Amino acid sequence: MRKKIVAGNWKMNMNLEEGKTLVEGVLEGLPALSENKQVVLAPPFIHLASIGEQLTGKHHIHLGAQNCSYEGSGAYTGEISASMVKSTGAEYVILGHSERREYFKEDHAMLVKKINLVLENKMQVIFCCGEPLEIRDADTQNAYVQEQISAELFHLDATQLKNVVIAYEPIWAIGTGRTASAQQAQDMHAHIRSVIAAKYGQDAANDMTILYGGSCKPSNAAELFGCPDVDGGLIGGASLKAEEFLGIVNAM
């Protein structure tokens, strides 16, 4: 049975005290989860060690980072290496997020290097992929997402792939006033699973956890998570309030 995950990406929000208070609220309300279900919290880099201490010994809730450098170490002022992230107790790293691709021009080659470093440091990758508005309007989203996956993941062998979670982001439905339906989410998740199956076999595809990274909230989480190929969510804004985030976790 593949893992079900709800991951909270705080992005550039929350000072340290606010973050600790949020974690306290999440821990207080966290439901009992079955063995294959996990919660991941991804605070800003500067909070990782402190939040990691709060999560120590807590079952089914894990620490994640929002990014890491494409270099292992060296004279890269302001950058954070995968080994530094690992030393805080983080188990997951989000890579390829649409905001990183758009604002910081992260390309295929850079993301391959980042993915390799995260895996070398024995952490798991939450790999983001998804299409912008013009691609969706041209109805070429399947080929676009397939290209991201093949260019950035297909150098991995089947064993390495087991440490990758895919998160689909319908960029066209974020902040545009347009909404992605549960059926549209299911269709893309099924396509992603077929892409994995074609390269690695059906067993690997069946084991792949695929998260939905659209505007998931307590009111639509149950419908989304009820889709056969949607295995949870990568949550942005709704992860900044304990009650909302827990509502999504409960839907899992």
C-alpha atoms as a PDB file:
ATOM      1  CA  MET A   1       0.000   0.000   0.000  1.00  0.00           C
ATOM      2  CA  ARG A   2       1.549   3.277  -1.094  1.00  0.00           C
ATOM      3  CA  LYS A   3       2.065   6.162   1.316  1.00  0.00           C
ATOM      4  CA  LYS A   4      -0.543   8.856   1.788  1.00  0.00           C
ATOM      5  CA  ILE A   5       0.965  12.243   2.663  1.00  0.00           C
ATOM      6  CA  VAL A   6      -0.256  15.714   3.553  1.00  0.00           C
ATOM      7  CA  ALA A   7       2.693  18.129   3.407  1.00  0.00           C
ATOM      8  CA  GLY A   8       2.550  21.732   4.573  1.00  0.00           C
ATOM      9  CA  ASN A   9       4.745  24.147   2.601  1.00  0.00           C
ATOM     10  CA  TRP A  10       4.937  27.331   4.668  1.00  0.00           C
ATOM     11  CA  LYS A  11       6.846  29.191   1.935  1.00  0.00           C
ATOM     12  CA  MET A  12       8.259  32.556   3.164  1.00  0.00           C
ATOM     13  CA  ASN A  13       5.848  32.891   6.083  1.00  0.00           C
ATOM     14  CA  MET A  14       6.003  32.661   9.888  1.00  0.00           C
ATOM     15  CA  ASN A  15       8.701  33.987  12.189  1.00  0.00           C
ATOM     16  CA  LEU A  16      10.147  31.410  14.570  1.00  0.00           C
ATOM     17  CA  GLU A  17       7.732  31.975  17.450  1.00  0.00           C
ATOM     18  CA  GLU A  18       4.738  31.951  15.119  1.00  0.00           C
ATOM     19  CA  GLY A  19       6.010  28.756  13.574  1.00  0.00           C
ATOM     20  CA  LYS A  20       6.472  27.039  16.929  1.00  0.00           C
ATOM     21  CA  THR A  21       2.956  28.039  17.963  1.00  0.00           C
ATOM     22  CA  LEU A  22       1.578  26.638  14.711  1.00  0.00           C
ATOM     23  CA  VAL A  23       3.384  23.338  15.272  1.00  0.00           C
ATOM     24  CA  GLU A  24       1.990  23.120  18.813  1.00  0.00           C
ATOM     25  CA  GLY A  25      -1.512  23.523  17.409  1.00  0.00           C
ATOM     26  CA  VAL A  26      -0.934  20.859  14.765  1.00  0.00           C
ATOM     27  CA  LEU A  27       0.506  18.411  17.294  1.00  0.00           C
ATOM     28  CA  GLU A  28      -2.375  18.974  19.713  1.00  0.00           C
ATOM     29  CA  GLY A  29      -4.995  18.216  17.070  1.00  0.00           C
ATOM     30  CA  LEU A  30      -3.195  15.578  15.030  1.00  0.00           C
ATOM     31  CA  PRO A  31      -5.410  12.497  14.648  1.00  0.00           C
ATOM     32  CA  ALA A  32      -4.160   8.945  15.012  1.00  0.00           C
ATOM     33  CA  LEU A  33      -2.843   7.925  11.602  1.00  0.00           C
ATOM     34  CA  SER A  34      -2.523   4.461  10.115  1.00  0.00           C
ATOM     35  CA  GLU A  35       0.916   3.134   9.231  1.00  0.00           C
ATOM     36  CA  ASN A  36       0.895   4.286   5.604  1.00  0.00           C
ATOM     37  CA  LYS A  37      -0.125   7.899   6.346  1.00  0.00           C
ATOM     38  CA  GLN A  38       2.270  10.766   7.069  1.00  0.00           C
ATOM     39  CA  VAL A  39       2.257  14.494   7.720  1.00  0.00           C
ATOM     40  CA  VAL A  40       5.226  16.610   6.600  1.00  0.00           C
ATOM     41  CA  LEU A  41       5.925  20.191   7.722  1.00  0.00           C
ATOM     42  CA  ALA A  42       8.255  22.309   5.575  1.00  0.00           C
ATOM     43  CA  PRO A  43       9.121  25.580   7.362  1.00  0.00           C
ATOM     44  CA  PRO A  44      11.677  28.123   6.134  1.00  0.00           C
ATOM     45  CA  PHE A  45      15.336  27.026   6.368  1.00  0.00           C
ATOM     46  CA  ILE A  46      16.046  29.205   9.394  1.00  0.00           C
ATOM     47  CA  HIS A  47      13.392  27.388  11.454  1.00  0.00           C
ATOM     48  CA  LEU A  48      14.306  23.797  10.543  1.00  0.00           C
ATOM     49  CA  ALA A  49      16.406  22.926  13.596  1.00  0.00           C
ATOM     50  CA  SER A  50      13.934  24.424  16.082  1.00  0.00           C
ATOM     51  CA  ILE A  51      10.870  22.878  14.460  1.00  0.00           C
ATOM     52  CA  GLY A  52      12.778  19.607  14.186  1.00  0.00           C
ATOM     53  CA  GLU A  53      13.219  19.551  17.964  1.00  0.00           C
ATOM     54  CA  GLN A  54       9.461  19.982  18.397  1.00  0.00           C
ATOM     55  CA  LEU A  55       8.798  17.032  16.129  1.00  0.00           C
ATOM     56  CA  THR A  56      11.372  14.693  17.671  1.00  0.00           C
ATOM     57  CA  GLY A  57       9.718  11.467  18.767  1.00  0.00           C
ATOM     58  CA  LYS A  58       6.350  12.385  17.248  1.00  0.00           C
ATOM     59  CA  HIS A  59       4.893   9.513  15.234  1.00  0.00           C
ATOM     60  CA  HIS A  60       3.840  10.030  11.599  1.00  0.00           C
ATOM     61  CA  ILE A  61       4.862  13.719  11.443  1.00  0.00           C
ATOM     62  CA  HIS A  62       8.072  14.582   9.643  1.00  0.00           C
ATOM     63  CA  LEU A  63      10.287  17.576   8.894  1.00  0.00           C
ATOM     64  CA  GLY A  64      10.881  18.806   5.374  1.00  0.00           C
ATOM     65  CA  ALA A  65      12.802  21.630   3.697  1.00  0.00           C
ATOM     66  CA  GLN A  66      11.487  23.812   0.896  1.00  0.00           C
ATOM     67  CA  ASN A  67      14.616  23.636  -1.243  1.00  0.00           C
ATOM     68  CA  CYS A  68      18.380  23.034  -1.176  1.00  0.00           C
ATOM     69  CA  SER A  69      21.424  24.090  -3.162  1.00  0.00           C
ATOM     70  CA  TYR A  70      22.583  22.329  -6.324  1.00  0.00           C
ATOM     71  CA  GLU A  71      26.124  22.310  -4.884  1.00  0.00           C
ATOM     72  CA  GLY A  72      27.331  20.153  -2.004  1.00  0.00           C
ATOM     73  CA  SER A  73      29.433  22.829  -0.282  1.00  0.00           C
ATOM     74  CA  GLY A  74      31.701  25.771  -1.008  1.00  0.00           C
ATOM     75  CA  ALA A  75      31.730  29.518  -1.592  1.00  0.00           C
ATOM     76  CA  TYR A  76      28.017  29.989  -2.278  1.00  0.00           C
ATOM     77  CA  THR A  77      26.998  32.773   0.080  1.00  0.00           C
ATOM     78  CA  GLY A  78      23.461  32.414   1.351  1.00  0.00           C
ATOM     79  CA  GLU A  79      22.919  28.897   0.003  1.00  0.00           C
ATOM     80  CA  ILE A  80      21.910  25.845   2.068  1.00  0.00           C
ATOM     81  CA  SER A  81      23.318  22.434   1.170  1.00  0.00           C
ATOM     82  CA  ALA A  82      21.494  19.118   1.298  1.00  0.00           C
ATOM     83  CA  SER A  83      23.836  17.900   4.040  1.00  0.00           C
ATOM     84  CA  MET A  84      23.009  20.988   6.136  1.00  0.00           C
ATOM     85  CA  VAL A  85      19.318  20.253   5.696  1.00  0.00           C
ATOM     86  CA  LYS A  86      19.896  16.634   6.680  1.00  0.00           C
ATOM     87  CA  SER A  87      21.705  17.692   9.862  1.00  0.00           C
ATOM     88  CA  THR A  88      18.554  19.441  11.144  1.00  0.00           C
ATOM     89  CA  GLY A  89      16.635  16.157  11.140  1.00  0.00           C
ATOM     90  CA  ALA A  90      14.760  16.843   7.899  1.00  0.00           C
ATOM     91  CA  GLU A  91      13.610  13.778   5.998  1.00  0.00           C
ATOM     92  CA  TYR A  92      12.070  15.431   2.926  1.00  0.00           C
ATOM     93  CA  VAL A  93      13.083  18.215   0.522  1.00  0.00           C
ATOM     94  CA  ILE A  94      10.656  19.922  -1.865  1.00  0.00           C
ATOM     95  CA  LEU A  95      12.289  20.411  -5.282  1.00  0.00           C
ATOM     96  CA  GLY A  96      11.103  21.875  -8.572  1.00  0.00           C
ATOM     97  CA  HIS A  97       8.292  23.957  -7.072  1.00  0.00           C
ATOM     98  CA  SER A  98       6.674  26.187  -9.680  1.00  0.00           C
ATOM     99  CA  GLU A  99       7.791  29.294  -7.801  1.00  0.00           C
ATOM    100  CA  ARG A 100      11.424  28.112  -7.886  1.00  0.00           C
ATOM    101  CA  ARG A 101      11.151  27.328 -11.587  1.00  0.00           C
ATOM    102  CA  GLU A 102       9.560  30.682 -12.447  1.00  0.00           C
ATOM    103  CA  TYR A 103      11.234  33.184 -10.097  1.00  0.00           C
ATOM    104  CA  PHE A 104      14.665  31.574  -9.782  1.00  0.00           C
ATOM    105  CA  LYS A 105      14.874  30.031 -13.263  1.00  0.00           C
ATOM    106  CA  GLU A 106      15.602  26.498 -12.053  1.00  0.00           C
ATOM    107  CA  ASP A 107      16.015  24.281 -15.112  1.00  0.00           C
ATOM    108  CA  HIS A 108      16.281  20.557 -15.805  1.00  0.00           C
ATOM    109  CA  ALA A 109      20.050  20.375 -15.254  1.00  0.00           C
ATOM    110  CA  MET A 110      19.933  22.221 -11.929  1.00  0.00           C
ATOM    111  CA  LEU A 111      17.093  20.081 -10.617  1.00  0.00           C
ATOM    112  CA  VAL A 112      18.861  16.854 -11.569  1.00  0.00           C
ATOM    113  CA  LYS A 113      21.829  17.989  -9.450  1.00  0.00           C
ATOM    114  CA  LYS A 114      19.568  18.892  -6.518  1.00  0.00           C
ATOM    115  CA  ILE A 115      17.674  15.599  -6.696  1.00  0.00           C
ATOM    116  CA  ASN A 116      20.929  13.642  -6.711  1.00  0.00           C
ATOM    117  CA  LEU A 117      22.277  15.500  -3.666  1.00  0.00           C
ATOM    118  CA  VAL A 118      19.086  14.968  -1.661  1.00  0.00           C
ATOM    119  CA  LEU A 119      19.107  11.250  -2.417  1.00  0.00           C
ATOM    120  CA  GLU A 120      22.843  10.965  -1.670  1.00  0.00           C
ATOM    121  CA  ASN A 121      22.087  12.461   1.744  1.00  0.00           C
ATOM    122  CA  LYS A 122      19.453   9.791   2.425  1.00  0.00           C
ATOM    123  CA  MET A 123      16.459  12.104   2.306  1.00  0.00           C
ATOM    124  CA  GLN A 124      13.313  11.881   0.205  1.00  0.00           C
ATOM    125  CA  VAL A 125      12.389  14.224  -2.633  1.00  0.00           C
ATOM    126  CA  ILE A 126       8.977  15.824  -3.054  1.00  0.00           C
ATOM    127  CA  PHE A 127       9.267  16.516  -6.783  1.00  0.00           C
ATOM    128  CA  CYS A 128       6.940  19.202  -8.143  1.00  0.00           C
ATOM    129  CA  CYS A 129       5.701  19.316 -11.718  1.00  0.00           C
ATOM    130  CA  GLY A 130       2.829  21.067 -13.441  1.00  0.00           C
ATOM    131  CA  GLU A 131       1.773  23.274 -16.321  1.00  0.00           C
ATOM    132  CA  PRO A 132       1.125  27.031 -16.643  1.00  0.00           C
ATOM    133  CA  LEU A 133      -2.028  28.593 -18.106  1.00  0.00           C
ATOM    134  CA  GLU A 134      -0.900  28.796 -21.730  1.00  0.00           C
ATOM    135  CA  ILE A 135      -0.034  25.085 -21.773  1.00  0.00           C
ATOM    136  CA  ARG A 136      -3.392  24.093 -20.269  1.00  0.00           C
ATOM    137  CA  ASP A 137      -5.236  26.331 -22.733  1.00  0.00           C
ATOM    138  CA  ALA A 138      -3.338  24.702 -25.605  1.00  0.00           C
ATOM    139  CA  ASP A 139      -4.325  21.264 -24.218  1.00  0.00           C
ATOM    140  CA  THR A 140      -0.676  20.144 -24.213  1.00  0.00           C
ATOM    141  CA  GLN A 141      -0.411  19.653 -20.450  1.00  0.00           C
ATOM    142  CA  ASN A 142       0.237  15.902 -20.604  1.00  0.00           C
ATOM    143  CA  ALA A 143       3.282  16.267 -22.840  1.00  0.00           C
ATOM    144  CA  TYR A 144       4.548  19.225 -20.792  1.00  0.00           C
ATOM    145  CA  VAL A 145       4.421  17.366 -17.476  1.00  0.00           C
ATOM    146  CA  GLN A 146       5.841  14.213 -19.057  1.00  0.00           C
ATOM    147  CA  GLU A 147       8.837  16.247 -20.271  1.00  0.00           C
ATOM    148  CA  GLN A 148       9.491  17.568 -16.742  1.00  0.00           C
ATOM    149  CA  ILE A 149       9.394  14.052 -15.302  1.00  0.00           C
ATOM    150  CA  SER A 150      11.519  12.428 -17.998  1.00  0.00           C
ATOM    151  CA  ALA A 151      14.159  15.189 -18.009  1.00  0.00           C
ATOM    152  CA  GLU A 152      14.509  15.389 -14.239  1.00  0.00           C
ATOM    153  CA  LEU A 153      13.710  11.920 -12.846  1.00  0.00           C
ATOM    154  CA  PHE A 154      14.449   9.354 -15.530  1.00  0.00           C
ATOM    155  CA  HIS A 155      18.191   9.257 -14.755  1.00  0.00           C
ATOM    156  CA  LEU A 156      17.267   7.532 -11.472  1.00  0.00           C
ATOM    157  CA  ASP A 157      17.126   3.775 -11.128  1.00  0.00           C
ATOM    158  CA  ALA A 158      14.107   1.995  -9.651  1.00  0.00           C
ATOM    159  CA  THR A 159      15.634   1.833  -6.166  1.00  0.00           C
ATOM    160  CA  GLN A 160      16.336   5.568  -6.105  1.00  0.00           C
ATOM    161  CA  LEU A 161      12.845   6.304  -7.390  1.00  0.00           C
ATOM    162  CA  LYS A 162      11.384   4.741  -4.243  1.00  0.00           C
ATOM    163  CA  ASN A 163      12.628   7.834  -2.374  1.00  0.00           C
ATOM    164  CA  VAL A 164      10.720  10.236  -4.625  1.00  0.00           C
ATOM    165  CA  VAL A 165       7.198  11.570  -4.103  1.00  0.00           C
ATOM    166  CA  ILE A 166       5.618  13.495  -6.995  1.00  0.00           C
ATOM    167  CA  ALA A 167       3.473  16.589  -6.407  1.00  0.00           C
ATOM    168  CA  TYR A 168       1.348  17.857  -9.293  1.00  0.00           C
ATOM    169  CA  GLU A 169       0.761  21.620  -9.344  1.00  0.00           C
ATOM    170  CA  PRO A 170      -1.874  22.992 -11.731  1.00  0.00           C
ATOM    171  CA  ILE A 171      -0.135  26.367 -11.963  1.00  0.00           C
ATOM    172  CA  TRP A 172      -2.926  27.648 -14.209  1.00  0.00           C
ATOM    173  CA  ALA A 173      -5.428  27.297 -11.357  1.00  0.00           C
ATOM    174  CA  ILE A 174      -3.364  29.083  -8.683  1.00  0.00           C
ATOM    175  CA  GLY A 175      -4.136  32.792  -8.296  1.00  0.00           C
ATOM    176  CA  THR A 176      -5.863  32.991 -11.688  1.00  0.00           C
ATOM    177  CA  GLY A 177      -9.474  32.742 -10.594  1.00  0.00           C
ATOM    178  CA  ARG A 178      -9.774  29.405 -12.372  1.00  0.00           C
ATOM    179  CA  THR A 179     -10.357  26.202 -10.454  1.00  0.00           C
ATOM    180  CA  ALA A 180      -9.050  22.728 -11.149  1.00  0.00           C
ATOM    181  CA  SER A 181     -11.758  20.130 -10.661  1.00  0.00           C
ATOM    182  CA  ALA A 182     -11.212  16.841  -8.872  1.00  0.00           C
ATOM    183  CA  GLN A 183     -11.600  15.103 -12.245  1.00  0.00           C
ATOM    184  CA  GLN A 184      -8.870  17.255 -13.794  1.00  0.00           C
ATOM    185  CA  ALA A 185      -6.618  16.401 -10.854  1.00  0.00           C
ATOM    186  CA  GLN A 186      -7.380  12.691 -11.223  1.00  0.00           C
ATOM    187  CA  ASP A 187      -6.754  12.783 -14.973  1.00  0.00           C
ATOM    188  CA  MET A 188      -3.292  14.293 -14.556  1.00  0.00           C
ATOM    189  CA  HIS A 189      -2.376  12.033 -11.643  1.00  0.00           C
ATOM    190  CA  ALA A 190      -3.368   9.002 -13.715  1.00  0.00           C
ATOM    191  CA  HIS A 191      -1.253  10.326 -16.600  1.00  0.00           C
ATOM    192  CA  ILE A 192       1.750  10.798 -14.297  1.00  0.00           C
ATOM    193  CA  ARG A 193       1.341   7.251 -13.021  1.00  0.00           C
ATOM    194  CA  SER A 194       1.248   5.965 -16.598  1.00  0.00           C
ATOM    195  CA  VAL A 195       4.471   7.852 -17.382  1.00  0.00           C
ATOM    196  CA  ILE A 196       6.172   6.163 -14.423  1.00  0.00           C
ATOM    197  CA  ALA A 197       4.759   2.779 -15.475  1.00  0.00           C
ATOM    198  CA  ALA A 198       6.104   3.119 -19.016  1.00  0.00           C
ATOM    199  CA  LYS A 199       9.630   3.728 -17.722  1.00  0.00           C
ATOM    200  CA  TYR A 200       9.826   1.690 -14.499  1.00  0.00           C
ATOM    201  CA  GLY A 201       6.982  -0.827 -14.722  1.00  0.00           C
ATOM    202  CA  GLN A 202       3.486  -1.019 -13.262  1.00  0.00           C
ATOM    203  CA  ASP A 203       4.624  -2.081  -9.787  1.00  0.00           C
ATOM    204  CA  ALA A 204       6.780   1.038  -9.435  1.00  0.00           C
ATOM    205  CA  ALA A 205       3.895   3.184 -10.681  1.00  0.00           C
ATOM    206  CA  ASN A 206       1.492   1.595  -8.211  1.00  0.00           C
ATOM    207  CA  ASP A 207       3.935   2.340  -5.374  1.00  0.00           C
ATOM    208  CA  MET A 208       4.478   5.998  -6.382  1.00  0.00           C
ATOM    209  CA  THR A 209       2.861   8.547  -4.060  1.00  0.00           C
ATOM    210  CA  ILE A 210       1.416  11.423  -6.108  1.00  0.00           C
ATOM    211  CA  LEU A 211       0.228  14.521  -4.247  1.00  0.00           C
ATOM    212  CA  TYR A 212      -2.073  17.272  -5.461  1.00  0.00           C
ATOM    213  CA  GLY A 213      -0.529  20.739  -5.166  1.00  0.00           C
ATOM    214  CA  GLY A 214      -3.447  22.916  -6.163  1.00  0.00           C
ATOM    215  CA  SER A 215      -5.694  24.953  -3.898  1.00  0.00           C
ATOM    216  CA  CYS A 216      -6.527  22.183  -1.464  1.00  0.00           C
ATOM    217  CA  LYS A 217      -8.569  23.135   1.604  1.00  0.00           C
ATOM    218  CA  PRO A 218     -10.793  21.367   4.140  1.00  0.00           C
ATOM    219  CA  SER A 219     -13.872  21.911   1.970  1.00  0.00           C
ATOM    220  CA  ASN A 220     -12.512  20.075  -1.082  1.00  0.00           C
ATOM    221  CA  ALA A 221      -9.851  17.773   0.391  1.00  0.00           C
ATOM    222  CA  ALA A 222     -12.139  14.762   0.834  1.00  0.00           C
ATOM    223  CA  GLU A 223     -13.286  14.898  -2.800  1.00  0.00           C
ATOM    224  CA  LEU A 224      -9.713  15.263  -4.073  1.00  0.00           C
ATOM    225  CA  PHE A 225      -8.312  12.532  -1.832  1.00  0.00           C
ATOM    226  CA  GLY A 226     -11.158  10.261  -2.881  1.00  0.00           C
ATOM    227  CA  CYS A 227      -9.745  10.133  -6.416  1.00  0.00           C
ATOM    228  CA  PRO A 228      -7.986   6.800  -7.003  1.00  0.00           C
ATOM    229  CA  ASP A 229      -4.661   8.329  -8.078  1.00  0.00           C
ATOM    230  CA  VAL A 230      -4.524  11.263  -5.619  1.00  0.00           C
ATOM    231  CA  ASP A 231      -2.493  10.220  -2.576  1.00  0.00           C
ATOM    232  CA  GLY A 232      -2.616  13.425  -0.545  1.00  0.00           C
ATOM    233  CA  GLY A 233      -1.679  17.052  -0.928  1.00  0.00           C
ATOM    234  CA  LEU A 234       1.135  19.577  -0.938  1.00  0.00           C
ATOM    235  CA  ILE A 235      -0.562  22.396   0.936  1.00  0.00           C
ATOM    236  CA  GLY A 236       0.393  26.078   0.775  1.00  0.00           C
ATOM    237  CA  GLY A 237      -1.789  28.749   2.362  1.00  0.00           C
ATOM    238  CA  ALA A 238      -3.996  26.335   4.295  1.00  0.00           C
ATOM    239  CA  SER A 239      -0.919  24.955   6.087  1.00  0.00           C
ATOM    240  CA  LEU A 240      -0.439  28.271   7.933  1.00  0.00           C
ATOM    241  CA  LYS A 241      -3.470  27.768  10.197  1.00  0.00           C
ATOM    242  CA  ALA A 242      -3.551  24.691  12.405  1.00  0.00           C
ATOM    243  CA  GLU A 243      -7.324  24.235  12.167  1.00  0.00           C
ATOM    244  CA  GLU A 244      -7.356  24.379   8.354  1.00  0.00           C
ATOM    245  CA  PHE A 245      -4.337  22.127   7.999  1.00  0.00           C
ATOM    246  CA  LEU A 246      -5.783  19.582  10.401  1.00  0.00           C
ATOM    247  CA  GLY A 247      -9.033  19.614   8.457  1.00  0.00           C
ATOM    248  CA  ILE A 248      -7.076  18.511   5.381  1.00  0.00           C
ATOM    249  CA  VAL A 249      -5.145  15.891   7.382  1.00  0.00           C
ATOM    250  CA  ASN A 250      -8.441  14.497   8.669  1.00  0.00           C
ATOM    251  CA  ALA A 251      -9.679  14.187   5.082  1.00  0.00           C
ATOM    252  CA  MET A 252      -6.704  11.897   4.385  1.00  0.00           C
END
